[in-house]
Amino acid sequence: MGDKGLDFKHKEVVNVNDGKRLGYVQDVCADLETGMITSIIVPGSNRILNMFSSNNDIVIPWKNIKCIGEDLIIVDI
């Protein structure tokens, strides 16, 4: 099977401002009317410790995505 190119779950997200590795894409959000992706979601820090606390996932709007490579997504947050 060929690569569809939109397999975000295997791409690591890096913030261009500080070079911090934010983790791998957990999910994507899309506008159901247009079918366009509106944001990506990356798990927040200390995922295991936050299992019993409120959700602290990082939601990155599509406009903040600067580059999508083969194994990396560069964002500006």
PDB file of N, CA and C in Angstrom:
ATOM      1  N   MET A   1       0.838  -1.197   0.000  1.00  0.00           N
ATOM      2  CA  MET A   1       0.000   0.000   0.000  1.00  0.00           C
ATOM      3  C   MET A   1       0.870   1.243   0.000  1.00  0.00           C
ATOM      4  N   GLY A   2       0.418   2.258  -0.673  1.00  0.00           N
ATOM      5  CA  GLY A   2       1.165   3.506  -0.731  1.00  0.00           C
ATOM      6  C   GLY A   2       0.890   4.390   0.455  1.00  0.00           C
ATOM      7  N   ASP A   3       1.788   5.319   0.689  1.00  0.00           N
ATOM      8  CA  ASP A   3       1.627   6.273   1.787  1.00  0.00           C
ATOM      9  C   ASP A   3       0.638   7.349   1.361  1.00  0.00           C
ATOM     10  N   LYS A   4      -0.350   7.605   2.195  1.00  0.00           N
ATOM     11  CA  LYS A   4      -1.362   8.604   1.873  1.00  0.00           C
ATOM     12  C   LYS A   4      -0.885  10.022   2.123  1.00  0.00           C
ATOM     13  N   GLY A   5       0.201  10.195   2.882  1.00  0.00           N
ATOM     14  CA  GLY A   5       0.740  11.524   3.127  1.00  0.00           C
ATOM     15  C   GLY A   5       0.091  12.262   4.269  1.00  0.00           C
ATOM     16  N   LEU A   6      -1.078  11.833   4.684  1.00  0.00           N
ATOM     17  CA  LEU A   6      -1.768  12.509   5.782  1.00  0.00           C
ATOM     18  C   LEU A   6      -1.802  11.639   7.037  1.00  0.00           C
ATOM     19  N   ASP A   7      -0.871  10.738   7.165  1.00  0.00           N
ATOM     20  CA  ASP A   7      -0.796   9.875   8.334  1.00  0.00           C
ATOM     21  C   ASP A   7      -0.064  10.635   9.435  1.00  0.00           C
ATOM     22  N   PHE A   8      -0.758  11.551  10.088  1.00  0.00           N
ATOM     23  CA  PHE A   8      -0.154  12.448  11.073  1.00  0.00           C
ATOM     24  C   PHE A   8       0.315  11.730  12.336  1.00  0.00           C
ATOM     25  N   LYS A   9      -0.264  10.595  12.664  1.00  0.00           N
ATOM     26  CA  LYS A   9       0.059   9.924  13.926  1.00  0.00           C
ATOM     27  C   LYS A   9       1.498   9.435  13.994  1.00  0.00           C
ATOM     28  N   HIS A  10       2.188   9.359  12.881  1.00  0.00           N
ATOM     29  CA  HIS A  10       3.582   8.928  12.863  1.00  0.00           C
ATOM     30  C   HIS A  10       4.529  10.114  12.697  1.00  0.00           C
ATOM     31  N   LYS A  11       4.009  11.319  12.852  1.00  0.00           N
ATOM     32  CA  LYS A  11       4.825  12.516  12.698  1.00  0.00           C
ATOM     33  C   LYS A  11       5.025  13.203  14.045  1.00  0.00           C
ATOM     34  N   GLU A  12       6.259  13.575  14.317  1.00  0.00           N
ATOM     35  CA  GLU A  12       6.567  14.279  15.554  1.00  0.00           C
ATOM     36  C   GLU A  12       6.378  15.777  15.339  1.00  0.00           C
ATOM     37  N   VAL A  13       5.868  16.466  16.353  1.00  0.00           N
ATOM     38  CA  VAL A  13       5.601  17.896  16.275  1.00  0.00           C
ATOM     39  C   VAL A  13       6.688  18.648  17.040  1.00  0.00           C
ATOM     40  N   VAL A  14       7.277  19.660  16.369  1.00  0.00           N
ATOM     41  CA  VAL A  14       8.340  20.465  16.965  1.00  0.00           C
ATOM     42  C   VAL A  14       7.964  21.935  16.845  1.00  0.00           C
ATOM     43  N   ASN A  15       8.156  22.679  17.936  1.00  0.00           N
ATOM     44  CA  ASN A  15       7.869  24.113  17.952  1.00  0.00           C
ATOM     45  C   ASN A  15       9.075  24.859  17.381  1.00  0.00           C
ATOM     46  N   VAL A  16       8.871  25.636  16.331  1.00  0.00           N
ATOM     47  CA  VAL A  16       9.957  26.358  15.671  1.00  0.00           C
ATOM     48  C   VAL A  16      10.538  27.456  16.570  1.00  0.00           C
ATOM     49  N   ASN A  17       9.762  27.970  17.520  1.00  0.00           N
ATOM     50  CA  ASN A  17      10.230  29.066  18.371  1.00  0.00           C
ATOM     51  C   ASN A  17      11.319  28.663  19.347  1.00  0.00           C
ATOM     52  N   ASP A  18      11.178  27.478  19.958  1.00  0.00           N
ATOM     53  CA  ASP A  18      12.167  27.064  20.956  1.00  0.00           C
ATOM     54  C   ASP A  18      12.782  25.694  20.667  1.00  0.00           C
ATOM     55  N   GLY A  19      12.389  25.059  19.581  1.00  0.00           N
ATOM     56  CA  GLY A  19      12.935  23.762  19.218  1.00  0.00           C
ATOM     57  C   GLY A  19      12.417  22.617  20.070  1.00  0.00           C
ATOM     58  N   LYS A  20      11.433  22.892  20.919  1.00  0.00           N
ATOM     59  CA  LYS A  20      10.900  21.874  21.826  1.00  0.00           C
ATOM     60  C   LYS A  20      10.104  20.824  21.055  1.00  0.00           C
ATOM     61  N   ARG A  21      10.374  19.574  21.390  1.00  0.00           N
ATOM     62  CA  ARG A  21       9.622  18.473  20.818  1.00  0.00           C
ATOM     63  C   ARG A  21       8.339  18.315  21.623  1.00  0.00           C
ATOM     64  N   LEU A  22       7.212  18.464  20.962  1.00  0.00           N
ATOM     65  CA  LEU A  22       5.924  18.425  21.651  1.00  0.00           C
ATOM     66  C   LEU A  22       5.330  17.028  21.711  1.00  0.00           C
ATOM     67  N   GLY A  23       5.822  16.116  20.896  1.00  0.00           N
ATOM     68  CA  GLY A  23       5.304  14.757  20.869  1.00  0.00           C
ATOM     69  C   GLY A  23       4.726  14.429  19.506  1.00  0.00           C
ATOM     70  N   TYR A  24       4.038  13.316  19.456  1.00  0.00           N
ATOM     71  CA  TYR A  24       3.433  12.865  18.205  1.00  0.00           C
ATOM     72  C   TYR A  24       1.958  13.237  18.166  1.00  0.00           C
ATOM     73  N   VAL A  25       1.460  13.455  16.972  1.00  0.00           N
ATOM     74  CA  VAL A  25       0.060  13.838  16.791  1.00  0.00           C
ATOM     75  C   VAL A  25      -0.836  12.741  17.352  1.00  0.00           C
ATOM     76  N   GLN A  26      -1.753  13.143  18.208  1.00  0.00           N
ATOM     77  CA  GLN A  26      -2.709  12.214  18.816  1.00  0.00           C
ATOM     78  C   GLN A  26      -4.000  12.156  18.003  1.00  0.00           C
ATOM     79  N   ASP A  27      -4.416  13.311  17.474  1.00  0.00           N
ATOM     80  CA  ASP A  27      -5.681  13.376  16.754  1.00  0.00           C
ATOM     81  C   ASP A  27      -5.698  14.613  15.870  1.00  0.00           C
ATOM     82  N   VAL A  28      -6.642  14.670  14.963  1.00  0.00           N
ATOM     83  CA  VAL A  28      -6.859  15.859  14.133  1.00  0.00           C
ATOM     84  C   VAL A  28      -8.320  16.260  14.245  1.00  0.00           C
ATOM     85  N   CYS A  29      -8.585  17.545  14.104  1.00  0.00           N
ATOM     86  CA  CYS A  29      -9.956  18.056  14.092  1.00  0.00           C
ATOM     87  C   CYS A  29     -10.239  18.592  12.701  1.00  0.00           C
ATOM     88  N   ALA A  30     -11.446  18.367  12.229  1.00  0.00           N
ATOM     89  CA  ALA A  30     -11.809  18.811  10.892  1.00  0.00           C
ATOM     90  C   ALA A  30     -13.179  19.461  10.902  1.00  0.00           C
ATOM     91  N   ASP A  31     -13.384  20.357   9.957  1.00  0.00           N
ATOM     92  CA  ASP A  31     -14.679  20.985   9.736  1.00  0.00           C
ATOM     93  C   ASP A  31     -15.496  19.993   8.902  1.00  0.00           C
ATOM     94  N   LEU A  32     -16.568  19.479   9.448  1.00  0.00           N
ATOM     95  CA  LEU A  32     -17.341  18.453   8.761  1.00  0.00           C
ATOM     96  C   LEU A  32     -18.037  18.960   7.505  1.00  0.00           C
ATOM     97  N   GLU A  33     -18.305  20.250   7.438  1.00  0.00           N
ATOM     98  CA  GLU A  33     -18.967  20.800   6.255  1.00  0.00           C
ATOM     99  C   GLU A  33     -18.011  20.916   5.076  1.00  0.00           C
ATOM    100  N   THR A  34     -16.769  21.333   5.350  1.00  0.00           N
ATOM    101  CA  THR A  34     -15.800  21.537   4.263  1.00  0.00           C
ATOM    102  C   THR A  34     -14.844  20.367   4.096  1.00  0.00           C
ATOM    103  N   GLY A  35     -14.697  19.551   5.146  1.00  0.00           N
ATOM    104  CA  GLY A  35     -13.757  18.444   5.099  1.00  0.00           C
ATOM    105  C   GLY A  35     -12.315  18.868   5.312  1.00  0.00           C
ATOM    106  N   MET A  36     -12.093  20.118   5.684  1.00  0.00           N
ATOM    107  CA  MET A  36     -10.740  20.629   5.873  1.00  0.00           C
ATOM    108  C   MET A  36     -10.304  20.456   7.324  1.00  0.00           C
ATOM    109  N   ILE A  37      -9.017  20.127   7.512  1.00  0.00           N
ATOM    110  CA  ILE A  37      -8.455  19.993   8.851  1.00  0.00           C
ATOM    111  C   ILE A  37      -8.343  21.375   9.476  1.00  0.00           C
ATOM    112  N   THR A  38      -8.807  21.492  10.723  1.00  0.00           N
ATOM    113  CA  THR A  38      -8.770  22.785  11.407  1.00  0.00           C
ATOM    114  C   THR A  38      -7.675  22.850  12.469  1.00  0.00           C
ATOM    115  N   SER A  39      -7.280  21.690  13.030  1.00  0.00           N
ATOM    116  CA  SER A  39      -6.235  21.676  14.046  1.00  0.00           C
ATOM    117  C   SER A  39      -5.717  20.262  14.248  1.00  0.00           C
ATOM    118  N   ILE A  40      -4.540  20.186  14.903  1.00  0.00           N
ATOM    119  CA  ILE A  40      -4.004  18.893  15.318  1.00  0.00           C
ATOM    120  C   ILE A  40      -3.894  18.908  16.837  1.00  0.00           C
ATOM    121  N   ILE A  41      -3.921  17.734  17.445  1.00  0.00           N
ATOM    122  CA  ILE A  41      -3.857  17.624  18.900  1.00  0.00           C
ATOM    123  C   ILE A  41      -2.649  16.772  19.275  1.00  0.00           C
ATOM    124  N   VAL A  42      -1.868  17.309  20.225  1.00  0.00           N
ATOM    125  CA  VAL A  42      -0.687  16.628  20.733  1.00  0.00           C
ATOM    126  C   VAL A  42      -0.901  16.452  22.235  1.00  0.00           C
ATOM    127  N   PRO A  43      -0.557  15.269  22.783  1.00  0.00           N
ATOM    128  CA  PRO A  43      -0.721  15.073  24.229  1.00  0.00           C
ATOM    129  C   PRO A  43       0.126  16.075  25.010  1.00  0.00           C
ATOM    130  N   GLY A  44      -0.427  16.582  26.107  1.00  0.00           N
ATOM    131  CA  GLY A  44       0.319  17.497  26.961  1.00  0.00           C
ATOM    132  C   GLY A  44       1.405  16.764  27.726  1.00  0.00           C
ATOM    133  N   SER A  45       2.236  17.501  28.437  1.00  0.00           N
ATOM    134  CA  SER A  45       3.333  16.900  29.188  1.00  0.00           C
ATOM    135  C   SER A  45       2.828  16.086  30.367  1.00  0.00           C
ATOM    136  N   ASN A  46       3.658  15.162  30.836  1.00  0.00           N
ATOM    137  CA  ASN A  46       3.348  14.296  31.985  1.00  0.00           C
ATOM    138  C   ASN A  46       2.023  13.571  31.798  1.00  0.00           C
ATOM    139  N   ARG A  47       1.869  12.926  30.668  1.00  0.00           N
ATOM    140  CA  ARG A  47       0.630  12.243  30.313  1.00  0.00           C
ATOM    141  C   ARG A  47       0.213  11.229  31.381  1.00  0.00           C
ATOM    142  N   ILE A  48       1.148  10.479  31.923  1.00  0.00           N
ATOM    143  CA  ILE A  48       0.799   9.451  32.908  1.00  0.00           C
ATOM    144  C   ILE A  48       0.290  10.093  34.198  1.00  0.00           C
ATOM    145  N   LEU A  49       0.946  11.170  34.629  1.00  0.00           N
ATOM    146  CA  LEU A  49       0.526  11.832  35.856  1.00  0.00           C
ATOM    147  C   LEU A  49      -0.837  12.493  35.707  1.00  0.00           C
ATOM    148  N   ASN A  50      -1.177  12.876  34.485  1.00  0.00           N
ATOM    149  CA  ASN A  50      -2.431  13.582  34.255  1.00  0.00           C
ATOM    150  C   ASN A  50      -3.584  12.642  33.896  1.00  0.00           C
ATOM    151  N   MET A  51      -3.367  11.344  34.058  1.00  0.00           N
ATOM    152  CA  MET A  51      -4.390  10.383  33.703  1.00  0.00           C
ATOM    153  C   MET A  51      -5.666  10.599  34.515  1.00  0.00           C
ATOM    154  N   PHE A  52      -5.514  11.058  35.748  1.00  0.00           N
ATOM    155  CA  PHE A  52      -6.667  11.240  36.612  1.00  0.00           C
ATOM    156  C   PHE A  52      -7.065  12.704  36.770  1.00  0.00           C
ATOM    157  N   SER A  53      -6.371  13.593  36.071  1.00  0.00           N
ATOM    158  CA  SER A  53      -6.696  15.012  36.176  1.00  0.00           C
ATOM    159  C   SER A  53      -7.305  15.510  34.872  1.00  0.00           C
ATOM    160  N   SER A  54      -7.494  16.801  34.774  1.00  0.00           N
ATOM    161  CA  SER A  54      -8.131  17.375  33.589  1.00  0.00           C
ATOM    162  C   SER A  54      -7.237  17.218  32.362  1.00  0.00           C
ATOM    163  N   ASN A  55      -7.862  17.258  31.225  1.00  0.00           N
ATOM    164  CA  ASN A  55      -7.180  17.090  29.947  1.00  0.00           C
ATOM    165  C   ASN A  55      -6.296  18.297  29.666  1.00  0.00           C
ATOM    166  N   ASN A  56      -5.021  18.064  29.372  1.00  0.00           N
ATOM    167  CA  ASN A  56      -4.124  19.171  29.075  1.00  0.00           C
ATOM    168  C   ASN A  56      -3.481  19.012  27.704  1.00  0.00           C
ATOM    169  N   ASP A  57      -4.229  18.422  26.761  1.00  0.00           N
ATOM    170  CA  ASP A  57      -3.722  18.259  25.412  1.00  0.00           C
ATOM    171  C   ASP A  57      -3.455  19.619  24.776  1.00  0.00           C
ATOM    172  N   ILE A  58      -2.508  19.651  23.861  1.00  0.00           N
ATOM    173  CA  ILE A  58      -2.167  20.873  23.145  1.00  0.00           C
ATOM    174  C   ILE A  58      -2.896  20.852  21.805  1.00  0.00           C
ATOM    175  N   VAL A  59      -3.779  21.821  21.597  1.00  0.00           N
ATOM    176  CA  VAL A  59      -4.516  21.946  20.343  1.00  0.00           C
ATOM    177  C   VAL A  59      -3.810  23.012  19.507  1.00  0.00           C
ATOM    178  N   ILE A  60      -3.331  22.610  18.340  1.00  0.00           N
ATOM    179  CA  ILE A  60      -2.569  23.514  17.477  1.00  0.00           C
ATOM    180  C   ILE A  60      -3.410  23.828  16.244  1.00  0.00           C
ATOM    181  N   PRO A  61      -3.843  25.083  16.096  1.00  0.00           N
ATOM    182  CA  PRO A  61      -4.645  25.471  14.929  1.00  0.00           C
ATOM    183  C   PRO A  61      -3.863  25.255  13.629  1.00  0.00           C
ATOM    184  N   TRP A  62      -4.579  24.927  12.570  1.00  0.00           N
ATOM    185  CA  TRP A  62      -3.956  24.663  11.275  1.00  0.00           C
ATOM    186  C   TRP A  62      -3.090  25.833  10.809  1.00  0.00           C
ATOM    187  N   LYS A  63      -3.502  27.067  11.116  1.00  0.00           N
ATOM    188  CA  LYS A  63      -2.739  28.243  10.677  1.00  0.00           C
ATOM    189  C   LYS A  63      -1.357  28.307  11.334  1.00  0.00           C
ATOM    190  N   ASN A  64      -1.158  27.590  12.437  1.00  0.00           N
ATOM    191  CA  ASN A  64       0.131  27.583  13.136  1.00  0.00           C
ATOM    192  C   ASN A  64       1.075  26.494  12.638  1.00  0.00           C
ATOM    193  N   ILE A  65       0.619  25.670  11.722  1.00  0.00           N
ATOM    194  CA  ILE A  65       1.477  24.636  11.148  1.00  0.00           C
ATOM    195  C   ILE A  65       2.265  25.265  10.016  1.00  0.00           C
ATOM    196  N   LYS A  66       3.586  25.229  10.143  1.00  0.00           N
ATOM    197  CA  LYS A  66       4.453  25.894   9.172  1.00  0.00           C
ATOM    198  C   LYS A  66       4.980  24.955   8.098  1.00  0.00           C
ATOM    199  N   CYS A  67       5.220  23.676   8.458  1.00  0.00           N
ATOM    200  CA  CYS A  67       5.785  22.739   7.494  1.00  0.00           C
ATOM    201  C   CYS A  67       5.430  21.317   7.909  1.00  0.00           C
ATOM    202  N   ILE A  68       5.067  20.492   6.923  1.00  0.00           N
ATOM    203  CA  ILE A  68       4.791  19.090   7.179  1.00  0.00           C
ATOM    204  C   ILE A  68       5.763  18.278   6.341  1.00  0.00           C
ATOM    205  N   GLY A  69       6.644  17.556   7.024  1.00  0.00           N
ATOM    206  CA  GLY A  69       7.622  16.721   6.338  1.00  0.00           C
ATOM    207  C   GLY A  69       7.232  15.261   6.417  1.00  0.00           C
ATOM    208  N   GLU A  70       8.161  14.386   6.018  1.00  0.00           N
ATOM    209  CA  GLU A  70       7.887  12.954   6.025  1.00  0.00           C
ATOM    210  C   GLU A  70       7.665  12.412   7.431  1.00  0.00           C
ATOM    211  N   ASP A  71       8.444  12.921   8.408  1.00  0.00           N
ATOM    212  CA  ASP A  71       8.319  12.410   9.769  1.00  0.00           C
ATOM    213  C   ASP A  71       8.246  13.514  10.820  1.00  0.00           C
ATOM    214  N   LEU A  72       8.058  14.756  10.378  1.00  0.00           N
ATOM    215  CA  LEU A  72       8.091  15.892  11.285  1.00  0.00           C
ATOM    216  C   LEU A  72       7.082  16.954  10.873  1.00  0.00           C
ATOM    217  N   ILE A  73       6.451  17.575  11.858  1.00  0.00           N
ATOM    218  CA  ILE A  73       5.566  18.716  11.619  1.00  0.00           C
ATOM    219  C   ILE A  73       6.143  19.877  12.429  1.00  0.00           C
ATOM    220  N   ILE A  74       6.417  20.979  11.747  1.00  0.00           N
ATOM    221  CA  ILE A  74       6.955  22.167  12.433  1.00  0.00           C
ATOM    222  C   ILE A  74       5.813  23.138  12.636  1.00  0.00           C
ATOM    223  N   VAL A  75       5.666  23.587  13.897  1.00  0.00           N
ATOM    224  CA  VAL A  75       4.582  24.505  14.264  1.00  0.00           C
ATOM    225  C   VAL A  75       5.153  25.769  14.895  1.00  0.00           C
ATOM    226  N   ASP A  76       4.356  26.802  14.915  1.00  0.00           N
ATOM    227  CA  ASP A  76       4.735  28.088  15.509  1.00  0.00           C
ATOM    228  C   ASP A  76       3.732  28.411  16.601  1.00  0.00           C
ATOM    229  N   ILE A  77       4.082  28.024  17.848  1.00  0.00           N
ATOM    230  CA  ILE A  77       3.178  28.318  18.971  1.00  0.00           C
ATOM    231  C   ILE A  77       3.958  28.966  20.101  1.00  0.00           C
TER     232      ILE A  77
END
